[in-house]
Amino acid sequence: MRRTFKLDELDCANCAAKMEEAIAKLPGVKKVSVNFMAQKMILEAEDSEFDEVLRQAAETIAKVEPDCHIVL
């Protein structure tokens, strides 16, 4: 499954790069792209694992930039 999410309060390109790198290392992630200019994240993972991968991605985003969150 591949889905696109809006990111709220993403404040810098460096943070976006750190998020993308950290999320890419999560188990179950096939592909991820965090775009600072568009304020979006594209996440691809197996259908059966997607909800758990998304939860872990949200936790990772909060660790990198506490004010940023995924708009569901």
PDB file of N, CA and C in Angstrom:
ATOM      1  N   MET A   1       0.852  -1.178   0.000  1.00  0.00           N
ATOM      2  CA  MET A   1       0.000   0.000   0.000  1.00  0.00           C
ATOM      3  C   MET A   1       0.894   1.236   0.000  1.00  0.00           C
ATOM      4  N   ARG A   2       0.475   2.213  -0.742  1.00  0.00           N
ATOM      5  CA  ARG A   2       1.198   3.482  -0.806  1.00  0.00           C
ATOM      6  C   ARG A   2       0.199   4.600  -0.545  1.00  0.00           C
ATOM      7  N   ARG A   3       0.535   5.443   0.427  1.00  0.00           N
ATOM      8  CA  ARG A   3      -0.361   6.556   0.758  1.00  0.00           C
ATOM      9  C   ARG A   3       0.444   7.830   0.958  1.00  0.00           C
ATOM     10  N   THR A   4      -0.214   8.955   0.718  1.00  0.00           N
ATOM     11  CA  THR A   4       0.394  10.266   0.904  1.00  0.00           C
ATOM     12  C   THR A   4      -0.286  10.956   2.077  1.00  0.00           C
ATOM     13  N   PHE A   5       0.525  11.561   2.938  1.00  0.00           N
ATOM     14  CA  PHE A   5       0.020  12.249   4.128  1.00  0.00           C
ATOM     15  C   PHE A   5       0.554  13.670   4.167  1.00  0.00           C
ATOM     16  N   LYS A   6      -0.267  14.587   4.634  1.00  0.00           N
ATOM     17  CA  LYS A   6       0.166  15.958   4.878  1.00  0.00           C
ATOM     18  C   LYS A   6       0.869  15.990   6.234  1.00  0.00           C
ATOM     19  N   LEU A   7       1.961  16.741   6.298  1.00  0.00           N
ATOM     20  CA  LEU A   7       2.677  16.929   7.558  1.00  0.00           C
ATOM     21  C   LEU A   7       2.441  18.351   8.038  1.00  0.00           C
ATOM     22  N   ASP A   8       1.990  18.486   9.253  1.00  0.00           N
ATOM     23  CA  ASP A   8       1.703  19.793   9.842  1.00  0.00           C
ATOM     24  C   ASP A   8       2.866  20.214  10.731  1.00  0.00           C
ATOM     25  N   GLU A   9       3.308  21.445  10.591  1.00  0.00           N
ATOM     26  CA  GLU A   9       4.373  22.028  11.413  1.00  0.00           C
ATOM     27  C   GLU A   9       5.761  21.459  11.113  1.00  0.00           C
ATOM     28  N   LEU A  10       6.001  21.060   9.865  1.00  0.00           N
ATOM     29  CA  LEU A  10       7.342  20.648   9.447  1.00  0.00           C
ATOM     30  C   LEU A  10       8.118  21.922   9.139  1.00  0.00           C
ATOM     31  N   ASP A  11       9.127  22.212   9.974  1.00  0.00           N
ATOM     32  CA  ASP A  11       9.755  23.528   9.942  1.00  0.00           C
ATOM     33  C   ASP A  11      11.062  23.651   9.170  1.00  0.00           C
ATOM     34  N   CYS A  12      11.742  22.532   8.854  1.00  0.00           N
ATOM     35  CA  CYS A  12      13.006  22.702   8.140  1.00  0.00           C
ATOM     36  C   CYS A  12      13.319  21.498   7.262  1.00  0.00           C
ATOM     37  N   ALA A  13      14.056  21.759   6.192  1.00  0.00           N
ATOM     38  CA  ALA A  13      14.425  20.712   5.243  1.00  0.00           C
ATOM     39  C   ALA A  13      15.342  19.682   5.891  1.00  0.00           C
ATOM     40  N   ASN A  14      16.201  20.110   6.785  1.00  0.00           N
ATOM     41  CA  ASN A  14      17.108  19.198   7.471  1.00  0.00           C
ATOM     42  C   ASN A  14      16.314  18.193   8.310  1.00  0.00           C
ATOM     43  N   CYS A  15      15.291  18.662   9.004  1.00  0.00           N
ATOM     44  CA  CYS A  15      14.440  17.769   9.796  1.00  0.00           C
ATOM     45  C   CYS A  15      13.719  16.777   8.884  1.00  0.00           C
ATOM     46  N   ALA A  16      13.258  17.235   7.734  1.00  0.00           N
ATOM     47  CA  ALA A  16      12.582  16.352   6.783  1.00  0.00           C
ATOM     48  C   ALA A  16      13.525  15.240   6.333  1.00  0.00           C
ATOM     49  N   ALA A  17      14.778  15.590   6.070  1.00  0.00           N
ATOM     50  CA  ALA A  17      15.767  14.596   5.651  1.00  0.00           C
ATOM     51  C   ALA A  17      16.038  13.589   6.769  1.00  0.00           C
ATOM     52  N   LYS A  18      16.128  14.080   8.004  1.00  0.00           N
ATOM     53  CA  LYS A  18      16.344  13.180   9.151  1.00  0.00           C
ATOM     54  C   LYS A  18      15.162  12.235   9.336  1.00  0.00           C
ATOM     55  N   MET A  19      13.946  12.773   9.179  1.00  0.00           N
ATOM     56  CA  MET A  19      12.742  11.940   9.295  1.00  0.00           C
ATOM     57  C   MET A  19      12.747  10.844   8.234  1.00  0.00           C
ATOM     58  N   GLU A  20      13.014  11.239   7.000  1.00  0.00           N
ATOM     59  CA  GLU A  20      13.007  10.283   5.899  1.00  0.00           C
ATOM     60  C   GLU A  20      14.026   9.171   6.142  1.00  0.00           C
ATOM     61  N   GLU A  21      15.220   9.538   6.571  1.00  0.00           N
ATOM     62  CA  GLU A  21      16.272   8.553   6.830  1.00  0.00           C
ATOM     63  C   GLU A  21      15.877   7.589   7.950  1.00  0.00           C
ATOM     64  N   ALA A  22      15.320   8.119   9.033  1.00  0.00           N
ATOM     65  CA  ALA A  22      14.935   7.289  10.178  1.00  0.00           C
ATOM     66  C   ALA A  22      13.745   6.383   9.842  1.00  0.00           C
ATOM     67  N   ILE A  23      12.754   6.916   9.139  1.00  0.00           N
ATOM     68  CA  ILE A  23      11.570   6.127   8.787  1.00  0.00           C
ATOM     69  C   ILE A  23      11.949   5.013   7.813  1.00  0.00           C
ATOM     70  N   ALA A  24      12.869   5.283   6.898  1.00  0.00           N
ATOM     71  CA  ALA A  24      13.304   4.274   5.925  1.00  0.00           C
ATOM     72  C   ALA A  24      13.897   3.048   6.612  1.00  0.00           C
ATOM     73  N   LYS A  25      14.441   3.218   7.813  1.00  0.00           N
ATOM     74  CA  LYS A  25      15.060   2.118   8.555  1.00  0.00           C
ATOM     75  C   LYS A  25      14.051   1.293   9.363  1.00  0.00           C
ATOM     76  N   LEU A  26      12.816   1.768   9.462  1.00  0.00           N
ATOM     77  CA  LEU A  26      11.805   1.036  10.230  1.00  0.00           C
ATOM     78  C   LEU A  26      11.453  -0.277   9.539  1.00  0.00           C
ATOM     79  N   PRO A  27      11.216  -1.334  10.329  1.00  0.00           N
ATOM     80  CA  PRO A  27      10.819  -2.609   9.713  1.00  0.00           C
ATOM     81  C   PRO A  27       9.468  -2.478   9.011  1.00  0.00           C
ATOM     82  N   GLY A  28       9.389  -3.030   7.815  1.00  0.00           N
ATOM     83  CA  GLY A  28       8.138  -3.007   7.064  1.00  0.00           C
ATOM     84  C   GLY A  28       8.033  -1.878   6.053  1.00  0.00           C
ATOM     85  N   VAL A  29       8.934  -0.898   6.129  1.00  0.00           N
ATOM     86  CA  VAL A  29       8.891   0.233   5.187  1.00  0.00           C
ATOM     87  C   VAL A  29       9.540  -0.190   3.875  1.00  0.00           C
ATOM     88  N   LYS A  30       8.775  -0.094   2.793  1.00  0.00           N
ATOM     89  CA  LYS A  30       9.318  -0.386   1.473  1.00  0.00           C
ATOM     90  C   LYS A  30       9.996   0.857   0.901  1.00  0.00           C
ATOM     91  N   LYS A  31       9.301   1.998   1.061  1.00  0.00           N
ATOM     92  CA  LYS A  31       9.798   3.254   0.505  1.00  0.00           C
ATOM     93  C   LYS A  31       9.144   4.414   1.246  1.00  0.00           C
ATOM     94  N   VAL A  32       9.918   5.473   1.458  1.00  0.00           N
ATOM     95  CA  VAL A  32       9.364   6.669   2.087  1.00  0.00           C
ATOM     96  C   VAL A  32      10.006   7.898   1.468  1.00  0.00           C
ATOM     97  N   SER A  33       9.227   8.941   1.359  1.00  0.00           N
ATOM     98  CA  SER A  33       9.722  10.220   0.870  1.00  0.00           C
ATOM     99  C   SER A  33       9.077  11.325   1.714  1.00  0.00           C
ATOM    100  N   VAL A  34       9.909  12.179   2.297  1.00  0.00           N
ATOM    101  CA  VAL A  34       9.408  13.316   3.068  1.00  0.00           C
ATOM    102  C   VAL A  34       9.822  14.577   2.312  1.00  0.00           C
ATOM    103  N   ASN A  35       8.842  15.345   1.864  1.00  0.00           N
ATOM    104  CA  ASN A  35       9.102  16.533   1.059  1.00  0.00           C
ATOM    105  C   ASN A  35       8.808  17.780   1.889  1.00  0.00           C
ATOM    106  N   PHE A  36       9.863  18.532   2.204  1.00  0.00           N
ATOM    107  CA  PHE A  36       9.705  19.733   3.020  1.00  0.00           C
ATOM    108  C   PHE A  36       8.876  20.799   2.303  1.00  0.00           C
ATOM    109  N   MET A  37       9.165  21.033   1.037  1.00  0.00           N
ATOM    110  CA  MET A  37       8.467  22.091   0.302  1.00  0.00           C
ATOM    111  C   MET A  37       6.968  21.806   0.181  1.00  0.00           C
ATOM    112  N   ALA A  38       6.613  20.568  -0.058  1.00  0.00           N
ATOM    113  CA  ALA A  38       5.203  20.196  -0.211  1.00  0.00           C
ATOM    114  C   ALA A  38       4.544  19.882   1.124  1.00  0.00           C
ATOM    115  N   GLN A  39       5.361  19.745   2.190  1.00  0.00           N
ATOM    116  CA  GLN A  39       4.840  19.396   3.521  1.00  0.00           C
ATOM    117  C   GLN A  39       4.087  18.063   3.466  1.00  0.00           C
ATOM    118  N   LYS A  40       4.667  17.083   2.736  1.00  0.00           N
ATOM    119  CA  LYS A  40       4.009  15.798   2.568  1.00  0.00           C
ATOM    120  C   LYS A  40       4.979  14.645   2.788  1.00  0.00           C
ATOM    121  N   MET A  41       4.400  13.499   3.160  1.00  0.00           N
ATOM    122  CA  MET A  41       5.148  12.264   3.276  1.00  0.00           C
ATOM    123  C   MET A  41       4.436  11.201   2.448  1.00  0.00           C
ATOM    124  N   ILE A  42       5.189  10.499   1.624  1.00  0.00           N
ATOM    125  CA  ILE A  42       4.664   9.353   0.879  1.00  0.00           C
ATOM    126  C   ILE A  42       5.263   8.123   1.540  1.00  0.00           C
ATOM    127  N   LEU A  43       4.399   7.231   1.988  1.00  0.00           N
ATOM    128  CA  LEU A  43       4.824   6.039   2.711  1.00  0.00           C
ATOM    129  C   LEU A  43       4.302   4.810   1.991  1.00  0.00           C
ATOM    130  N   GLU A  44       5.207   3.838   1.784  1.00  0.00           N
ATOM    131  CA  GLU A  44       4.833   2.596   1.135  1.00  0.00           C
ATOM    132  C   GLU A  44       5.250   1.430   2.028  1.00  0.00           C
ATOM    133  N   ALA A  45       4.286   0.535   2.299  1.00  0.00           N
ATOM    134  CA  ALA A  45       4.515  -0.648   3.134  1.00  0.00           C
ATOM    135  C   ALA A  45       3.488  -1.712   2.755  1.00  0.00           C
ATOM    136  N   GLU A  46       3.720  -2.936   3.225  1.00  0.00           N
ATOM    137  CA  GLU A  46       2.769  -4.021   2.985  1.00  0.00           C
ATOM    138  C   GLU A  46       1.408  -3.649   3.584  1.00  0.00           C
ATOM    139  N   ASP A  47       0.335  -4.030   2.903  1.00  0.00           N
ATOM    140  CA  ASP A  47      -1.018  -3.730   3.378  1.00  0.00           C
ATOM    141  C   ASP A  47      -1.253  -4.227   4.799  1.00  0.00           C
ATOM    142  N   SER A  48      -0.805  -5.447   5.070  1.00  0.00           N
ATOM    143  CA  SER A  48      -1.063  -6.059   6.376  1.00  0.00           C
ATOM    144  C   SER A  48      -0.302  -5.375   7.517  1.00  0.00           C
ATOM    145  N   GLU A  49       0.772  -4.670   7.197  1.00  0.00           N
ATOM    146  CA  GLU A  49       1.595  -4.016   8.222  1.00  0.00           C
ATOM    147  C   GLU A  49       1.443  -2.505   8.232  1.00  0.00           C
ATOM    148  N   PHE A  50       0.633  -1.965   7.328  1.00  0.00           N
ATOM    149  CA  PHE A  50       0.637  -0.521   7.104  1.00  0.00           C
ATOM    150  C   PHE A  50       0.297   0.295   8.351  1.00  0.00           C
ATOM    151  N   ASP A  51      -0.727  -0.098   9.083  1.00  0.00           N
ATOM    152  CA  ASP A  51      -1.133   0.677  10.261  1.00  0.00           C
ATOM    153  C   ASP A  51      -0.024   0.744  11.302  1.00  0.00           C
ATOM    154  N   GLU A  52       0.658  -0.374  11.525  1.00  0.00           N
ATOM    155  CA  GLU A  52       1.750  -0.404  12.492  1.00  0.00           C
ATOM    156  C   GLU A  52       2.941   0.419  11.997  1.00  0.00           C
ATOM    157  N   VAL A  53       3.251   0.325  10.728  1.00  0.00           N
ATOM    158  CA  VAL A  53       4.351   1.116  10.158  1.00  0.00           C
ATOM    159  C   VAL A  53       4.028   2.606  10.279  1.00  0.00           C
ATOM    160  N   LEU A  54       2.787   2.978  10.006  1.00  0.00           N
ATOM    161  CA  LEU A  54       2.374   4.386  10.113  1.00  0.00           C
ATOM    162  C   LEU A  54       2.494   4.872  11.558  1.00  0.00           C
ATOM    163  N   ARG A  55       2.107   4.039  12.523  1.00  0.00           N
ATOM    164  CA  ARG A  55       2.224   4.409  13.935  1.00  0.00           C
ATOM    165  C   ARG A  55       3.696   4.648  14.299  1.00  0.00           C
ATOM    166  N   GLN A  56       4.566   3.764  13.857  1.00  0.00           N
ATOM    167  CA  GLN A  56       5.991   3.911  14.148  1.00  0.00           C
ATOM    168  C   GLN A  56       6.580   5.135  13.446  1.00  0.00           C
ATOM    169  N   ALA A  57       6.103   5.409  12.238  1.00  0.00           N
ATOM    170  CA  ALA A  57       6.555   6.595  11.505  1.00  0.00           C
ATOM    171  C   ALA A  57       6.150   7.866  12.257  1.00  0.00           C
ATOM    172  N   ALA A  58       4.935   7.885  12.798  1.00  0.00           N
ATOM    173  CA  ALA A  58       4.471   9.049  13.567  1.00  0.00           C
ATOM    174  C   ALA A  58       5.327   9.254  14.808  1.00  0.00           C
ATOM    175  N   GLU A  59       5.698   8.164  15.486  1.00  0.00           N
ATOM    176  CA  GLU A  59       6.568   8.266  16.657  1.00  0.00           C
ATOM    177  C   GLU A  59       7.944   8.800  16.263  1.00  0.00           C
ATOM    178  N   THR A  60       8.457   8.340  15.143  1.00  0.00           N
ATOM    179  CA  THR A  60       9.762   8.784  14.660  1.00  0.00           C
ATOM    180  C   THR A  60       9.732  10.272  14.326  1.00  0.00           C
ATOM    181  N   ILE A  61       8.672  10.709  13.671  1.00  0.00           N
ATOM    182  CA  ILE A  61       8.530  12.126  13.334  1.00  0.00           C
ATOM    183  C   ILE A  61       8.521  12.971  14.603  1.00  0.00           C
ATOM    184  N   ALA A  62       7.802  12.530  15.628  1.00  0.00           N
ATOM    185  CA  ALA A  62       7.729  13.272  16.891  1.00  0.00           C
ATOM    186  C   ALA A  62       9.086  13.356  17.585  1.00  0.00           C
ATOM    187  N   LYS A  63       9.899  12.331  17.436  1.00  0.00           N
ATOM    188  CA  LYS A  63      11.243  12.352  18.043  1.00  0.00           C
ATOM    189  C   LYS A  63      12.139  13.362  17.343  1.00  0.00           C
ATOM    190  N   VAL A  64      12.028  13.449  16.017  1.00  0.00           N
ATOM    191  CA  VAL A  64      12.873  14.373  15.252  1.00  0.00           C
ATOM    192  C   VAL A  64      12.402  15.811  15.430  1.00  0.00           C
ATOM    193  N   GLU A  65      11.101  16.023  15.311  1.00  0.00           N
ATOM    194  CA  GLU A  65      10.531  17.371  15.438  1.00  0.00           C
ATOM    195  C   GLU A  65       9.217  17.267  16.213  1.00  0.00           C
ATOM    196  N   PRO A  66       9.264  17.513  17.524  1.00  0.00           N
ATOM    197  CA  PRO A  66       8.099  17.296  18.395  1.00  0.00           C
ATOM    198  C   PRO A  66       6.819  18.023  17.967  1.00  0.00           C
ATOM    199  N   ASP A  67       6.923  19.171  17.319  1.00  0.00           N
ATOM    200  CA  ASP A  67       5.726  19.921  16.915  1.00  0.00           C
ATOM    201  C   ASP A  67       5.086  19.391  15.634  1.00  0.00           C
ATOM    202  N   CYS A  68       5.812  18.588  14.883  1.00  0.00           N
ATOM    203  CA  CYS A  68       5.313  18.074  13.610  1.00  0.00           C
ATOM    204  C   CYS A  68       4.465  16.830  13.839  1.00  0.00           C
ATOM    205  N   HIS A  69       3.375  16.731  13.060  1.00  0.00           N
ATOM    206  CA  HIS A  69       2.548  15.535  13.134  1.00  0.00           C
ATOM    207  C   HIS A  69       1.889  15.245  11.789  1.00  0.00           C
ATOM    208  N   ILE A  70       1.487  13.992  11.636  1.00  0.00           N
ATOM    209  CA  ILE A  70       0.839  13.544  10.404  1.00  0.00           C
ATOM    210  C   ILE A  70      -0.641  13.898  10.473  1.00  0.00           C
ATOM    211  N   VAL A  71      -1.151  14.502   9.420  1.00  0.00           N
ATOM    212  CA  VAL A  71      -2.580  14.800   9.325  1.00  0.00           C
ATOM    213  C   VAL A  71      -3.250  13.590   8.682  1.00  0.00           C
ATOM    214  N   LEU A  72      -4.093  12.916   9.466  1.00  0.00           N
ATOM    215  CA  LEU A  72      -4.754  11.698   8.963  1.00  0.00           C
ATOM    216  C   LEU A  72      -6.109  12.002   8.357  1.00  0.00           C
TER     217      LEU A  72
END
